[in-house]
Amino acid sequence: MKAYEMDDEPTIYAAHDADAAAMIYILDGGEEPQDGYPRELTDEELDRERPDYDEDERQTGETTTIRRWLEVATEPGFLGGAMR
């Protein structure tokens, strides 16, 4: 799977291609992606370290990457959001 930015929040989805990412985004939120989206993330964006959060959305003190999220994703769908 690949990671796609779906809007300017950003909201990140995993999917096999941009069309599939758009379809899942529409099914989840009822709205089509904005112009210019979905946009496949670059290797730099996939590997950028960012704070990690637990299931209660509390920082763990550790870091992670979107690439790590993709590695553990078992199916296409929402990966995360608002990380800038």
Protein backbone atom coordinates (compact mmCIF):
# COMPACT_ATOMS: atom_id res chain seq x y z
CA MET A 1 0.00 0.00 0.00
CA LYS A 2 0.93 3.64 -0.38
CA ALA A 3 0.13 6.68 1.76
CA TYR A 4 -1.98 9.53 0.39
CA GLU A 5 -2.65 13.00 1.74
CA MET A 6 -6.36 13.61 1.27
CA ASP A 7 -6.80 17.26 2.29
CA ASP A 8 -4.89 20.22 3.73
CA GLU A 9 -5.35 19.14 7.39
CA PRO A 10 -3.59 16.76 6.42
CA THR A 11 -5.59 13.56 6.60
CA ILE A 12 -3.57 10.50 5.57
CA TYR A 13 -5.03 7.33 4.07
CA ALA A 14 -3.45 4.03 3.04
CA ALA A 15 -4.55 2.57 -0.28
CA HIS A 16 -3.24 0.67 -3.27
CA ASP A 17 -3.73 3.67 -5.58
CA ALA A 18 -5.08 7.23 -5.61
CA ASP A 19 -8.52 6.22 -6.92
CA ALA A 20 -8.97 3.71 -4.10
CA ALA A 21 -7.83 6.32 -1.54
CA ALA A 22 -10.42 8.78 -2.88
CA MET A 23 -13.19 6.17 -2.75
CA ILE A 24 -12.44 5.25 0.88
CA TYR A 25 -12.22 8.94 1.84
CA ILE A 26 -15.65 9.57 0.28
CA LEU A 27 -17.14 6.54 2.04
CA ASP A 28 -15.70 7.65 5.40
CA GLY A 29 -16.64 11.32 5.24
CA GLY A 30 -19.26 11.72 2.55
CA GLU A 31 -17.23 14.37 0.71
CA GLU A 32 -14.91 14.18 -2.26
CA PRO A 33 -11.25 15.14 -1.81
CA GLN A 34 -10.38 18.77 -2.48
CA ASP A 35 -8.70 19.78 -5.75
CA GLY A 36 -5.15 18.46 -5.93
CA TYR A 37 -5.90 15.46 -3.70
CA PRO A 38 -5.26 12.64 -3.13
CA ARG A 39 -1.51 13.23 -3.28
CA GLU A 40 0.93 10.37 -2.78
CA LEU A 41 3.43 11.12 -0.01
CA THR A 42 7.11 11.33 -0.87
CA ASP A 43 9.80 9.14 0.68
CA GLU A 44 10.89 12.14 2.74
CA GLU A 45 7.36 12.58 4.11
CA LEU A 46 7.03 8.85 4.81
CA ASP A 47 10.28 8.81 6.80
CA ARG A 48 9.89 12.07 8.77
CA GLU A 49 9.92 11.36 12.49
CA ARG A 50 6.83 12.59 14.34
CA PRO A 51 5.49 12.15 17.88
CA ASP A 52 3.78 8.84 18.54
CA TYR A 53 0.38 8.64 20.26
CA ASP A 54 -1.39 5.84 22.11
CA GLU A 55 -4.94 4.62 21.50
CA ASP A 56 -6.24 7.45 23.74
CA GLU A 57 -4.44 10.06 21.59
CA ARG A 58 -1.86 10.81 24.31
CA GLN A 59 1.78 11.29 23.35
CA THR A 60 3.90 8.28 24.28
CA GLY A 61 7.24 10.10 24.34
CA GLU A 62 8.36 7.98 21.39
CA THR A 63 8.50 8.86 17.71
CA THR A 64 7.17 7.10 14.63
CA THR A 65 6.86 7.59 10.88
CA ILE A 66 4.08 7.21 8.37
CA ARG A 67 6.15 4.44 6.77
CA ARG A 68 5.90 2.50 10.05
CA TRP A 69 2.13 3.07 10.05
CA LEU A 70 1.97 1.59 6.55
CA GLU A 71 4.01 -1.43 7.62
CA VAL A 72 1.45 -2.36 10.28
CA ALA A 73 -1.67 -1.40 8.31
CA THR A 74 -3.63 -4.55 7.49
CA GLU A 75 -6.13 -2.92 5.13
CA PRO A 76 -6.67 0.33 3.23
CA GLY A 77 -8.14 3.23 5.19
CA PHE A 78 -7.43 6.10 7.56
CA LEU A 79 -3.86 6.25 8.94
CA GLY A 80 -3.77 9.57 10.79
CA GLY A 81 -4.25 13.28 10.58
CA ALA A 82 -3.20 16.83 11.49
CA MET A 83 0.50 16.16 11.91
CA ARG A 84 2.18 19.33 10.60
